[in-house]
Amino acid sequence: MADTTTTNTPAPEKPAGPGPRKLLGIVTGDKNDKTRRVEVARRVQHPKYGKFIKKRTVCYTHDEKNESHLGDTVEIVESRPLSKSKRWALVRVVTKAPSRTLSGLEAAVPGGTIDTAKK
């Protein structure tokens, strides 16, 4: 006779879906509060000629702590719409950009002078 007792086996796990999209890009705009403009570069093949072409996608990203700045490489993830154009959220800053110094920019400012060997 067959034993009809039930066993407590766990239900099979659902296979994980693709999950949220993550991208790496470079911050090209940090003027707004908690918003960053991130450019994601990609290479696509031309449909007719087969040559690889560089293209870019601009993503407006929410940066809650204002921790990224111009030139930083960041990882972003897709999120719910936060405003008319913001659909991405900052995950982490991968690499910081070299700090911007004012020493090289003083001469470019009207009225700024740099004395080099004028004695």
PDB file of N, CA and C in Angstrom:
ATOM      1  N   MET A   1       0.820  -1.181   0.000  1.00  0.00           N
ATOM      2  CA  MET A   1       0.000   0.000   0.000  1.00  0.00           C
ATOM      3  C   MET A   1       0.871   1.255   0.000  1.00  0.00           C
ATOM      4  N   ALA A   2       0.333   2.268  -0.582  1.00  0.00           N
ATOM      5  CA  ALA A   2       1.077   3.515  -0.672  1.00  0.00           C
ATOM      6  C   ALA A   2       0.882   4.325   0.590  1.00  0.00           C
ATOM      7  N   ASP A   3       1.918   4.919   1.044  1.00  0.00           N
ATOM      8  CA  ASP A   3       1.866   5.754   2.238  1.00  0.00           C
ATOM      9  C   ASP A   3       1.369   7.137   1.813  1.00  0.00           C
ATOM     10  N   THR A   4       0.297   7.615   2.398  1.00  0.00           N
ATOM     11  CA  THR A   4      -0.297   8.891   1.998  1.00  0.00           C
ATOM     12  C   THR A   4       0.016  10.015   2.963  1.00  0.00           C
ATOM     13  N   THR A   5       1.040   9.880   3.768  1.00  0.00           N
ATOM     14  CA  THR A   5       1.392  10.960   4.682  1.00  0.00           C
ATOM     15  C   THR A   5       2.050  12.100   3.904  1.00  0.00           C
ATOM     16  N   THR A   6       1.780  13.294   4.337  1.00  0.00           N
ATOM     17  CA  THR A   6       2.368  14.454   3.668  1.00  0.00           C
ATOM     18  C   THR A   6       3.694  14.806   4.312  1.00  0.00           C
ATOM     19  N   THR A   7       4.573  15.247   3.511  1.00  0.00           N
ATOM     20  CA  THR A   7       5.861  15.690   4.042  1.00  0.00           C
ATOM     21  C   THR A   7       5.927  17.202   3.929  1.00  0.00           C
ATOM     22  N   ASN A   8       6.639  17.797   4.819  1.00  0.00           N
ATOM     23  CA  ASN A   8       6.780  19.253   4.829  1.00  0.00           C
ATOM     24  C   ASN A   8       7.976  19.649   3.971  1.00  0.00           C
ATOM     25  N   THR A   9       7.785  19.637   2.693  1.00  0.00           N
ATOM     26  CA  THR A   9       8.850  20.088   1.794  1.00  0.00           C
ATOM     27  C   THR A   9       8.602  21.539   1.450  1.00  0.00           C
ATOM     28  N   PRO A  10       9.644  22.337   1.423  1.00  0.00           N
ATOM     29  CA  PRO A  10       9.433  23.751   1.092  1.00  0.00           C
ATOM     30  C   PRO A  10       8.995  23.892  -0.358  1.00  0.00           C
ATOM     31  N   ALA A  11       8.228  24.936  -0.602  1.00  0.00           N
ATOM     32  CA  ALA A  11       7.766  25.215  -1.959  1.00  0.00           C
ATOM     33  C   ALA A  11       8.956  25.607  -2.822  1.00  0.00           C
ATOM     34  N   PRO A  12       8.932  25.227  -4.081  1.00  0.00           N
ATOM     35  CA  PRO A  12      10.064  25.612  -4.939  1.00  0.00           C
ATOM     36  C   PRO A  12      10.166  27.125  -5.051  1.00  0.00           C
ATOM     37  N   GLU A  13      11.406  27.611  -4.994  1.00  0.00           N
ATOM     38  CA  GLU A  13      11.625  29.054  -5.053  1.00  0.00           C
ATOM     39  C   GLU A  13      11.365  29.562  -6.464  1.00  0.00           C
ATOM     40  N   LYS A  14      10.832  30.776  -6.534  1.00  0.00           N
ATOM     41  CA  LYS A  14      10.630  31.406  -7.831  1.00  0.00           C
ATOM     42  C   LYS A  14      11.988  31.807  -8.384  1.00  0.00           C
ATOM     43  N   PRO A  15      12.188  31.605  -9.656  1.00  0.00           N
ATOM     44  CA  PRO A  15      13.457  32.087 -10.220  1.00  0.00           C
ATOM     45  C   PRO A  15      13.494  33.609 -10.170  1.00  0.00           C
ATOM     46  N   ALA A  16      14.633  34.122  -9.796  1.00  0.00           N
ATOM     47  CA  ALA A  16      14.771  35.579  -9.685  1.00  0.00           C
ATOM     48  C   ALA A  16      14.648  36.204 -11.062  1.00  0.00           C
ATOM     49  N   GLY A  17      13.882  37.267 -11.133  1.00  0.00           N
ATOM     50  CA  GLY A  17      13.714  37.987 -12.390  1.00  0.00           C
ATOM     51  C   GLY A  17      14.963  38.761 -12.728  1.00  0.00           C
ATOM     52  N   PRO A  18      14.923  39.518 -13.796  1.00  0.00           N
ATOM     53  CA  PRO A  18      16.117  40.261 -14.181  1.00  0.00           C
ATOM     54  C   PRO A  18      16.488  41.349 -13.185  1.00  0.00           C
ATOM     55  N   GLY A  19      15.539  41.813 -12.366  1.00  0.00           N
ATOM     56  CA  GLY A  19      15.835  42.828 -11.366  1.00  0.00           C
ATOM     57  C   GLY A  19      15.938  44.205 -11.976  1.00  0.00           C
ATOM     58  N   PRO A  20      16.222  45.214 -11.159  1.00  0.00           N
ATOM     59  CA  PRO A  20      16.320  46.586 -11.668  1.00  0.00           C
ATOM     60  C   PRO A  20      17.593  46.756 -12.502  1.00  0.00           C
ATOM     61  N   ARG A  21      17.508  47.631 -13.496  1.00  0.00           N
ATOM     62  CA  ARG A  21      18.660  47.884 -14.353  1.00  0.00           C
ATOM     63  C   ARG A  21      19.669  48.753 -13.624  1.00  0.00           C
ATOM     64  N   LYS A  22      20.942  48.394 -13.747  1.00  0.00           N
ATOM     65  CA  LYS A  22      22.028  49.177 -13.174  1.00  0.00           C
ATOM     66  C   LYS A  22      22.949  49.615 -14.300  1.00  0.00           C
ATOM     67  N   LEU A  23      23.421  50.850 -14.210  1.00  0.00           N
ATOM     68  CA  LEU A  23      24.310  51.406 -15.226  1.00  0.00           C
ATOM     69  C   LEU A  23      25.479  52.122 -14.564  1.00  0.00           C
ATOM     70  N   LEU A  24      26.585  52.219 -15.278  1.00  0.00           N
ATOM     71  CA  LEU A  24      27.730  53.023 -14.851  1.00  0.00           C
ATOM     72  C   LEU A  24      27.823  54.225 -15.777  1.00  0.00           C
ATOM     73  N   GLY A  25      28.023  55.393 -15.193  1.00  0.00           N
ATOM     74  CA  GLY A  25      28.117  56.606 -16.002  1.00  0.00           C
ATOM     75  C   GLY A  25      28.954  57.656 -15.323  1.00  0.00           C
ATOM     76  N   ILE A  26      29.125  58.774 -16.007  1.00  0.00           N
ATOM     77  CA  ILE A  26      29.928  59.881 -15.500  1.00  0.00           C
ATOM     78  C   ILE A  26      29.018  61.067 -15.250  1.00  0.00           C
ATOM     79  N   VAL A  27      29.177  61.707 -14.081  1.00  0.00           N
ATOM     80  CA  VAL A  27      28.374  62.880 -13.732  1.00  0.00           C
ATOM     81  C   VAL A  27      28.837  64.050 -14.579  1.00  0.00           C
ATOM     82  N   THR A  28      27.889  64.633 -15.339  1.00  0.00           N
ATOM     83  CA  THR A  28      28.223  65.778 -16.184  1.00  0.00           C
ATOM     84  C   THR A  28      27.509  67.048 -15.733  1.00  0.00           C
ATOM     85  N   GLY A  29      26.658  66.946 -14.730  1.00  0.00           N
ATOM     86  CA  GLY A  29      25.986  68.128 -14.218  1.00  0.00           C
ATOM     87  C   GLY A  29      25.633  67.937 -12.755  1.00  0.00           C
ATOM     88  N   ASP A  30      26.052  68.887 -11.913  1.00  0.00           N
ATOM     89  CA  ASP A  30      25.750  68.792 -10.483  1.00  0.00           C
ATOM     90  C   ASP A  30      25.276  70.121  -9.906  1.00  0.00           C
ATOM     91  N   LYS A  31      24.652  70.953 -10.734  1.00  0.00           N
ATOM     92  CA  LYS A  31      24.236  72.273 -10.269  1.00  0.00           C
ATOM     93  C   LYS A  31      22.973  72.230  -9.421  1.00  0.00           C
ATOM     94  N   ASN A  32      22.062  71.310  -9.704  1.00  0.00           N
ATOM     95  CA  ASN A  32      20.809  71.248  -8.959  1.00  0.00           C
ATOM     96  C   ASN A  32      20.975  70.477  -7.661  1.00  0.00           C
ATOM     97  N   ASP A  33      20.165  70.805  -6.675  1.00  0.00           N
ATOM     98  CA  ASP A  33      20.202  70.136  -5.384  1.00  0.00           C
ATOM     99  C   ASP A  33      19.571  68.745  -5.518  1.00  0.00           C
ATOM    100  N   LYS A  34      20.302  67.719  -5.101  1.00  0.00           N
ATOM    101  CA  LYS A  34      19.856  66.324  -5.093  1.00  0.00           C
ATOM    102  C   LYS A  34      19.564  65.755  -6.467  1.00  0.00           C
ATOM    103  N   THR A  35      20.020  66.409  -7.521  1.00  0.00           N
ATOM    104  CA  THR A  35      19.834  65.915  -8.881  1.00  0.00           C
ATOM    105  C   THR A  35      21.169  65.951  -9.604  1.00  0.00           C
ATOM    106  N   ARG A  36      21.495  64.876 -10.277  1.00  0.00           N
ATOM    107  CA  ARG A  36      22.719  64.795 -11.053  1.00  0.00           C
ATOM    108  C   ARG A  36      22.380  64.401 -12.480  1.00  0.00           C
ATOM    109  N   ARG A  37      23.135  64.949 -13.429  1.00  0.00           N
ATOM    110  CA  ARG A  37      22.998  64.567 -14.830  1.00  0.00           C
ATOM    111  C   ARG A  37      24.120  63.583 -15.112  1.00  0.00           C
ATOM    112  N   VAL A  38      23.754  62.346 -15.453  1.00  0.00           N
ATOM    113  CA  VAL A  38      24.732  61.286 -15.657  1.00  0.00           C
ATOM    114  C   VAL A  38      24.679  60.855 -17.119  1.00  0.00           C
ATOM    115  N   GLU A  39      25.849  60.793 -17.762  1.00  0.00           N
ATOM    116  CA  GLU A  39      25.935  60.318 -19.136  1.00  0.00           C
ATOM    117  C   GLU A  39      26.478  58.902 -19.136  1.00  0.00           C
ATOM    118  N   VAL A  40      25.740  58.012 -19.796  1.00  0.00           N
ATOM    119  CA  VAL A  40      26.135  56.623 -19.918  1.00  0.00           C
ATOM    120  C   VAL A  40      26.574  56.405 -21.365  1.00  0.00           C
ATOM    121  N   ALA A  41      27.837  56.038 -21.553  1.00  0.00           N
ATOM    122  CA  ALA A  41      28.371  55.814 -22.902  1.00  0.00           C
ATOM    123  C   ALA A  41      28.151  54.357 -23.297  1.00  0.00           C
ATOM    124  N   ARG A  42      27.883  54.147 -24.606  1.00  0.00           N
ATOM    125  CA  ARG A  42      27.705  52.789 -25.113  1.00  0.00           C
ATOM    126  C   ARG A  42      28.187  52.756 -26.552  1.00  0.00           C
ATOM    127  N   ARG A  43      28.477  51.565 -27.030  1.00  0.00           N
ATOM    128  CA  ARG A  43      28.897  51.377 -28.418  1.00  0.00           C
ATOM    129  C   ARG A  43      27.857  50.526 -29.117  1.00  0.00           C
ATOM    130  N   VAL A  44      27.378  50.991 -30.254  1.00  0.00           N
ATOM    131  CA  VAL A  44      26.401  50.241 -31.032  1.00  0.00           C
ATOM    132  C   VAL A  44      26.941  50.064 -32.446  1.00  0.00           C
ATOM    133  N   GLN A  45      26.499  48.993 -33.075  1.00  0.00           N
ATOM    134  CA  GLN A  45      26.943  48.724 -34.431  1.00  0.00           C
ATOM    135  C   GLN A  45      25.975  49.358 -35.420  1.00  0.00           C
ATOM    136  N   HIS A  46      26.532  50.049 -36.406  1.00  0.00           N
ATOM    137  CA  HIS A  46      25.701  50.679 -37.424  1.00  0.00           C
ATOM    138  C   HIS A  46      24.973  49.579 -38.200  1.00  0.00           C
ATOM    139  N   PRO A  47      23.644  49.755 -38.405  1.00  0.00           N
ATOM    140  CA  PRO A  47      22.887  48.673 -39.034  1.00  0.00           C
ATOM    141  C   PRO A  47      23.303  48.361 -40.474  1.00  0.00           C
ATOM    142  N   LYS A  48      23.734  49.361 -41.222  1.00  0.00           N
ATOM    143  CA  LYS A  48      24.080  49.126 -42.621  1.00  0.00           C
ATOM    144  C   LYS A  48      25.563  48.854 -42.826  1.00  0.00           C
ATOM    145  N   TYR A  49      26.412  49.686 -42.205  1.00  0.00           N
ATOM    146  CA  TYR A  49      27.836  49.621 -42.489  1.00  0.00           C
ATOM    147  C   TYR A  49      28.625  48.767 -41.502  1.00  0.00           C
ATOM    148  N   GLY A  50      28.064  48.449 -40.372  1.00  0.00           N
ATOM    149  CA  GLY A  50      28.737  47.559 -39.428  1.00  0.00           C
ATOM    150  C   GLY A  50      29.781  48.214 -38.557  1.00  0.00           C
ATOM    151  N   LYS A  51      30.052  49.495 -38.761  1.00  0.00           N
ATOM    152  CA  LYS A  51      31.043  50.187 -37.941  1.00  0.00           C
ATOM    153  C   LYS A  51      30.466  50.445 -36.558  1.00  0.00           C
ATOM    154  N   PHE A  52      31.307  50.339 -35.532  1.00  0.00           N
ATOM    155  CA  PHE A  52      30.850  50.617 -34.170  1.00  0.00           C
ATOM    156  C   PHE A  52      30.879  52.113 -33.919  1.00  0.00           C
ATOM    157  N   ILE A  53      29.781  52.633 -33.360  1.00  0.00           N
ATOM    158  CA  ILE A  53      29.613  54.062 -33.130  1.00  0.00           C
ATOM    159  C   ILE A  53      29.431  54.292 -31.642  1.00  0.00           C
ATOM    160  N   LYS A  54      30.034  55.371 -31.131  1.00  0.00           N
ATOM    161  CA  LYS A  54      29.827  55.749 -29.735  1.00  0.00           C
ATOM    162  C   LYS A  54      28.531  56.535 -29.617  1.00  0.00           C
ATOM    163  N   LYS A  55      27.694  56.136 -28.678  1.00  0.00           N
ATOM    164  CA  LYS A  55      26.470  56.878 -28.385  1.00  0.00           C
ATOM    165  C   LYS A  55      26.423  57.103 -26.888  1.00  0.00           C
ATOM    166  N   ARG A  56      25.570  58.033 -26.478  1.00  0.00           N
ATOM    167  CA  ARG A  56      25.435  58.303 -25.044  1.00  0.00           C
ATOM    168  C   ARG A  56      23.968  58.449 -24.691  1.00  0.00           C
ATOM    169  N   THR A  57      23.676  58.125 -23.457  1.00  0.00           N
ATOM    170  CA  THR A  57      22.341  58.286 -22.918  1.00  0.00           C
ATOM    171  C   THR A  57      22.449  59.187 -21.701  1.00  0.00           C
ATOM    172  N   VAL A  58      21.585  60.184 -21.605  1.00  0.00           N
ATOM    173  CA  VAL A  58      21.589  61.099 -20.470  1.00  0.00           C
ATOM    174  C   VAL A  58      20.498  60.666 -19.502  1.00  0.00           C
ATOM    175  N   CYS A  59      20.886  60.425 -18.246  1.00  0.00           N
ATOM    176  CA  CYS A  59      19.950  60.016 -17.209  1.00  0.00           C
ATOM    177  C   CYS A  59      20.002  61.045 -16.088  1.00  0.00           C
ATOM    178  N   TYR A  60      18.851  61.511 -15.676  1.00  0.00           N
ATOM    179  CA  TYR A  60      18.795  62.404 -14.520  1.00  0.00           C
ATOM    180  C   TYR A  60      18.581  61.537 -13.296  1.00  0.00           C
ATOM    181  N   THR A  61      19.461  61.705 -12.302  1.00  0.00           N
ATOM    182  CA  THR A  61      19.572  60.794 -11.181  1.00  0.00           C
ATOM    183  C   THR A  61      19.330  61.518  -9.867  1.00  0.00           C
ATOM    184  N   HIS A  62      18.655  60.831  -8.946  1.00  0.00           N
ATOM    185  CA  HIS A  62      18.405  61.385  -7.622  1.00  0.00           C
ATOM    186  C   HIS A  62      19.579  61.038  -6.706  1.00  0.00           C
ATOM    187  N   ASP A  63      20.197  62.049  -6.124  1.00  0.00           N
ATOM    188  CA  ASP A  63      21.325  61.896  -5.197  1.00  0.00           C
ATOM    189  C   ASP A  63      20.919  62.525  -3.873  1.00  0.00           C
ATOM    190  N   GLU A  64      20.386  61.722  -2.978  1.00  0.00           N
ATOM    191  CA  GLU A  64      19.795  62.219  -1.729  1.00  0.00           C
ATOM    192  C   GLU A  64      20.795  62.994  -0.873  1.00  0.00           C
ATOM    193  N   LYS A  65      22.044  62.527  -0.795  1.00  0.00           N
ATOM    194  CA  LYS A  65      23.026  63.140   0.104  1.00  0.00           C
ATOM    195  C   LYS A  65      23.971  64.108  -0.604  1.00  0.00           C
ATOM    196  N   ASN A  66      23.753  64.391  -1.872  1.00  0.00           N
ATOM    197  CA  ASN A  66      24.642  65.266  -2.656  1.00  0.00           C
ATOM    198  C   ASN A  66      26.100  64.825  -2.546  1.00  0.00           C
ATOM    199  N   GLU A  67      26.335  63.509  -2.671  1.00  0.00           N
ATOM    200  CA  GLU A  67      27.687  62.990  -2.482  1.00  0.00           C
ATOM    201  C   GLU A  67      28.492  62.884  -3.778  1.00  0.00           C
ATOM    202  N   SER A  68      27.847  63.006  -4.931  1.00  0.00           N
ATOM    203  CA  SER A  68      28.588  62.935  -6.190  1.00  0.00           C
ATOM    204  C   SER A  68      28.782  64.340  -6.748  1.00  0.00           C
ATOM    205  N   HIS A  69      29.852  64.501  -7.510  1.00  0.00           N
ATOM    206  CA  HIS A  69      30.178  65.799  -8.094  1.00  0.00           C
ATOM    207  C   HIS A  69      30.618  65.619  -9.535  1.00  0.00           C
ATOM    208  N   LEU A  70      30.857  66.708 -10.201  1.00  0.00           N
ATOM    209  CA  LEU A  70      31.201  66.722 -11.610  1.00  0.00           C
ATOM    210  C   LEU A  70      32.421  65.842 -11.884  1.00  0.00           C
ATOM    211  N   GLY A  71      32.303  64.940 -12.858  1.00  0.00           N
ATOM    212  CA  GLY A  71      33.413  64.083 -13.252  1.00  0.00           C
ATOM    213  C   GLY A  71      33.482  62.750 -12.542  1.00  0.00           C
ATOM    214  N   ASP A  72      32.690  62.530 -11.498  1.00  0.00           N
ATOM    215  CA  ASP A  72      32.710  61.258 -10.779  1.00  0.00           C
ATOM    216  C   ASP A  72      32.087  60.159 -11.631  1.00  0.00           C
ATOM    217  N   THR A  73      32.595  58.945 -11.486  1.00  0.00           N
ATOM    218  CA  THR A  73      31.976  57.776 -12.095  1.00  0.00           C
ATOM    219  C   THR A  73      31.051  57.179 -11.057  1.00  0.00           C
ATOM    220  N   VAL A  74      29.775  56.991 -11.420  1.00  0.00           N
ATOM    221  CA  VAL A  74      28.770  56.543 -10.456  1.00  0.00           C
ATOM    222  C   VAL A  74      28.008  55.345 -11.003  1.00  0.00           C
ATOM    223  N   GLU A  75      27.424  54.595 -10.075  1.00  0.00           N
ATOM    224  CA  GLU A  75      26.527  53.495 -10.431  1.00  0.00           C
ATOM    225  C   GLU A  75      25.111  53.943 -10.107  1.00  0.00           C
ATOM    226  N   ILE A  76      24.208  53.806 -11.077  1.00  0.00           N
ATOM    227  CA  ILE A  76      22.824  54.228 -10.883  1.00  0.00           C
ATOM    228  C   ILE A  76      21.901  53.046 -11.131  1.00  0.00           C
ATOM    229  N   VAL A  77      20.710  53.134 -10.540  1.00  0.00           N
ATOM    230  CA  VAL A  77      19.733  52.062 -10.678  1.00  0.00           C
ATOM    231  C   VAL A  77      18.391  52.672 -11.060  1.00  0.00           C
ATOM    232  N   GLU A  78      17.629  51.941 -11.840  1.00  0.00           N
ATOM    233  CA  GLU A  78      16.321  52.412 -12.271  1.00  0.00           C
ATOM    234  C   GLU A  78      15.387  52.493 -11.069  1.00  0.00           C
ATOM    235  N   SER A  79      14.547  53.527 -11.029  1.00  0.00           N
ATOM    236  CA  SER A  79      13.618  53.686  -9.904  1.00  0.00           C
ATOM    237  C   SER A  79      12.288  54.210 -10.428  1.00  0.00           C
ATOM    238  N   ARG A  80      11.389  54.425  -9.517  1.00  0.00           N
ATOM    239  CA  ARG A  80      10.091  54.969  -9.900  1.00  0.00           C
ATOM    240  C   ARG A  80      10.279  56.420 -10.348  1.00  0.00           C
ATOM    241  N   PRO A  81       9.346  56.982 -11.095  1.00  0.00           N
ATOM    242  CA  PRO A  81       9.484  58.383 -11.498  1.00  0.00           C
ATOM    243  C   PRO A  81       9.460  59.316 -10.283  1.00  0.00           C
ATOM    244  N   LEU A  82      10.495  60.115 -10.140  1.00  0.00           N
ATOM    245  CA  LEU A  82      10.598  61.047  -9.025  1.00  0.00           C
ATOM    246  C   LEU A  82      10.213  62.469  -9.425  1.00  0.00           C
ATOM    247  N   SER A  83      10.306  62.766 -10.709  1.00  0.00           N
ATOM    248  CA  SER A  83       9.889  64.063 -11.248  1.00  0.00           C
ATOM    249  C   SER A  83       9.643  63.862 -12.738  1.00  0.00           C
ATOM    250  N   LYS A  84       9.502  64.962 -13.449  1.00  0.00           N
ATOM    251  CA  LYS A  84       9.237  64.863 -14.880  1.00  0.00           C
ATOM    252  C   LYS A  84      10.363  64.113 -15.606  1.00  0.00           C
ATOM    253  N   SER A  85      11.587  64.337 -15.206  1.00  0.00           N
ATOM    254  CA  SER A  85      12.710  63.735 -15.923  1.00  0.00           C
ATOM    255  C   SER A  85      13.540  62.751 -15.102  1.00  0.00           C
ATOM    256  N   LYS A  86      13.401  62.721 -13.775  1.00  0.00           N
ATOM    257  CA  LYS A  86      14.223  61.839 -12.937  1.00  0.00           C
ATOM    258  C   LYS A  86      13.592  60.457 -12.824  1.00  0.00           C
ATOM    259  N   ARG A  87      14.321  59.440 -13.339  1.00  0.00           N
ATOM    260  CA  ARG A  87      13.875  58.052 -13.253  1.00  0.00           C
ATOM    261  C   ARG A  87      14.961  57.127 -12.731  1.00  0.00           C
ATOM    262  N   TRP A  88      16.034  57.669 -12.213  1.00  0.00           N
ATOM    263  CA  TRP A  88      17.163  56.883 -11.755  1.00  0.00           C
ATOM    264  C   TRP A  88      17.568  57.342 -10.353  1.00  0.00           C
ATOM    265  N   ALA A  89      18.200  56.449  -9.597  1.00  0.00           N
ATOM    266  CA  ALA A  89      18.679  56.764  -8.249  1.00  0.00           C
ATOM    267  C   ALA A  89      20.146  56.362  -8.145  1.00  0.00           C
ATOM    268  N   LEU A  90      20.898  57.153  -7.404  1.00  0.00           N
ATOM    269  CA  LEU A  90      22.323  56.885  -7.216  1.00  0.00           C
ATOM    270  C   LEU A  90      22.502  55.731  -6.246  1.00  0.00           C
ATOM    271  N   VAL A  91      23.332  54.750  -6.631  1.00  0.00           N
ATOM    272  CA  VAL A  91      23.644  53.627  -5.752  1.00  0.00           C
ATOM    273  C   VAL A  91      24.922  53.920  -4.984  1.00  0.00           C
ATOM    274  N   ARG A  92      25.993  54.258  -5.733  1.00  0.00           N
ATOM    275  CA  ARG A  92      27.282  54.543  -5.093  1.00  0.00           C
ATOM    276  C   ARG A  92      28.167  55.316  -6.047  1.00  0.00           C
ATOM    277  N   VAL A  93      29.161  55.950  -5.473  1.00  0.00           N
ATOM    278  CA  VAL A  93      30.181  56.631  -6.261  1.00  0.00           C
ATOM    279  C   VAL A  93      31.314  55.631  -6.443  1.00  0.00           C
ATOM    280  N   VAL A  94      31.588  55.252  -7.682  1.00  0.00           N
ATOM    281  CA  VAL A  94      32.610  54.252  -7.963  1.00  0.00           C
ATOM    282  C   VAL A  94      33.994  54.869  -7.844  1.00  0.00           C
ATOM    283  N   THR A  95      34.245  55.961  -8.568  1.00  0.00           N
ATOM    284  CA  THR A  95      35.526  56.666  -8.469  1.00  0.00           C
ATOM    285  C   THR A  95      35.266  58.161  -8.420  1.00  0.00           C
ATOM    286  N   LYS A  96      36.027  58.840  -7.577  1.00  0.00           N
ATOM    287  CA  LYS A  96      35.925  60.287  -7.466  1.00  0.00           C
ATOM    288  C   LYS A  96      36.805  60.930  -8.535  1.00  0.00           C
ATOM    289  N   ALA A  97      36.357  62.056  -9.034  1.00  0.00           N
ATOM    290  CA  ALA A  97      37.140  62.814 -10.006  1.00  0.00           C
ATOM    291  C   ALA A  97      38.266  63.531  -9.276  1.00  0.00           C
ATOM    292  N   PRO A  98      39.371  63.808  -9.971  1.00  0.00           N
ATOM    293  CA  PRO A  98      40.417  64.602  -9.328  1.00  0.00           C
ATOM    294  C   PRO A  98      39.853  65.957  -8.925  1.00  0.00           C
ATOM    295  N   SER A  99      40.287  66.463  -7.783  1.00  0.00           N
ATOM    296  CA  SER A  99      39.723  67.711  -7.261  1.00  0.00           C
ATOM    297  C   SER A  99      40.032  68.863  -8.198  1.00  0.00           C
ATOM    298  N   ARG A 100      39.060  69.744  -8.290  1.00  0.00           N
ATOM    299  CA  ARG A 100      39.232  70.934  -9.125  1.00  0.00           C
ATOM    300  C   ARG A 100      39.924  72.004  -8.295  1.00  0.00           C
ATOM    301  N   THR A 101      41.020  72.513  -8.795  1.00  0.00           N
ATOM    302  CA  THR A 101      41.733  73.557  -8.071  1.00  0.00           C
ATOM    303  C   THR A 101      41.536  74.884  -8.787  1.00  0.00           C
ATOM    304  N   LEU A 102      41.559  75.937  -8.036  1.00  0.00           N
ATOM    305  CA  LEU A 102      41.365  77.263  -8.589  1.00  0.00           C
ATOM    306  C   LEU A 102      42.664  77.891  -9.056  1.00  0.00           C
ATOM    307  N   SER A 103      43.791  77.261  -8.746  1.00  0.00           N
ATOM    308  CA  SER A 103      45.062  77.884  -9.092  1.00  0.00           C
ATOM    309  C   SER A 103      45.220  78.056 -10.603  1.00  0.00           C
ATOM    310  N   GLY A 104      44.785  77.114 -11.394  1.00  0.00           N
ATOM    311  CA  GLY A 104      44.911  77.227 -12.835  1.00  0.00           C
ATOM    312  C   GLY A 104      43.830  78.075 -13.458  1.00  0.00           C
ATOM    313  N   LEU A 105      42.785  78.374 -12.723  1.00  0.00           N
ATOM    314  CA  LEU A 105      41.667  79.125 -13.266  1.00  0.00           C
ATOM    315  C   LEU A 105      41.725  80.612 -12.952  1.00  0.00           C
ATOM    316  N   GLU A 106      42.631  81.042 -12.099  1.00  0.00           N
ATOM    317  CA  GLU A 106      42.671  82.441 -11.687  1.00  0.00           C
ATOM    318  C   GLU A 106      42.964  83.375 -12.844  1.00  0.00           C
ATOM    319  N   ALA A 107      43.813  82.945 -13.764  1.00  0.00           N
ATOM    320  CA  ALA A 107      44.181  83.812 -14.889  1.00  0.00           C
ATOM    321  C   ALA A 107      43.029  83.972 -15.864  1.00  0.00           C
ATOM    322  N   ALA A 108      42.139  83.014 -15.894  1.00  0.00           N
ATOM    323  CA  ALA A 108      41.022  83.073 -16.825  1.00  0.00           C
ATOM    324  C   ALA A 108      39.929  84.021 -16.338  1.00  0.00           C
ATOM    325  N   VAL A 109      39.941  84.345 -15.061  1.00  0.00           N
ATOM    326  CA  VAL A 109      38.933  85.232 -14.499  1.00  0.00           C
ATOM    327  C   VAL A 109      39.339  86.670 -14.759  1.00  0.00           C
ATOM    328  N   PRO A 110      38.428  87.517 -15.264  1.00  0.00           N
ATOM    329  CA  PRO A 110      38.787  88.919 -15.478  1.00  0.00           C
ATOM    330  C   PRO A 110      39.201  89.573 -14.160  1.00  0.00           C
ATOM    331  N   GLY A 111      40.333  90.210 -14.178  1.00  0.00           N
ATOM    332  CA  GLY A 111      40.824  90.866 -12.970  1.00  0.00           C
ATOM    333  C   GLY A 111      41.756  89.990 -12.160  1.00  0.00           C
ATOM    334  N   GLY A 112      41.812  88.715 -12.488  1.00  0.00           N
ATOM    335  CA  GLY A 112      42.708  87.802 -11.780  1.00  0.00           C
ATOM    336  C   GLY A 112      44.104  87.908 -12.355  1.00  0.00           C
ATOM    337  N   THR A 113      45.087  87.965 -11.483  1.00  0.00           N
ATOM    338  CA  THR A 113      46.457  88.075 -11.973  1.00  0.00           C
ATOM    339  C   THR A 113      47.304  87.000 -11.315  1.00  0.00           C
ATOM    340  N   ILE A 114      48.236  86.515 -12.094  1.00  0.00           N
ATOM    341  CA  ILE A 114      49.221  85.582 -11.568  1.00  0.00           C
ATOM    342  C   ILE A 114      50.581  86.163 -11.913  1.00  0.00           C
ATOM    343  N   ASP A 115      51.367  86.470 -10.885  1.00  0.00           N
ATOM    344  CA  ASP A 115      52.700  87.033 -11.098  1.00  0.00           C
ATOM    345  C   ASP A 115      53.684  85.885 -11.273  1.00  0.00           C
ATOM    346  N   THR A 116      54.217  85.739 -12.469  1.00  0.00           N
ATOM    347  CA  THR A 116      55.213  84.720 -12.698  1.00  0.00           C
ATOM    348  C   THR A 116      56.482  85.397 -13.202  1.00  0.00           C
ATOM    349  N   ALA A 117      57.475  85.433 -12.389  1.00  0.00           N
ATOM    350  CA  ALA A 117      58.814  85.983 -12.705  1.00  0.00           C
ATOM    351  C   ALA A 117      58.759  87.443 -13.148  1.00  0.00           C
ATOM    352  N   LYS A 118      57.932  88.266 -12.513  1.00  0.00           N
ATOM    353  CA  LYS A 118      57.920  89.705 -12.804  1.00  0.00           C
ATOM    354  C   LYS A 118      58.564  90.428 -11.639  1.00  0.00           C
ATOM    355  N   LYS A 119      59.871  90.512 -11.674  1.00  0.00           N
ATOM    356  CA  LYS A 119      60.587  91.186 -10.591  1.00  0.00           C
ATOM    357  C   LYS A 119      61.596  92.132 -11.099  1.00  0.00           C
TER     358      LYS A 119
END
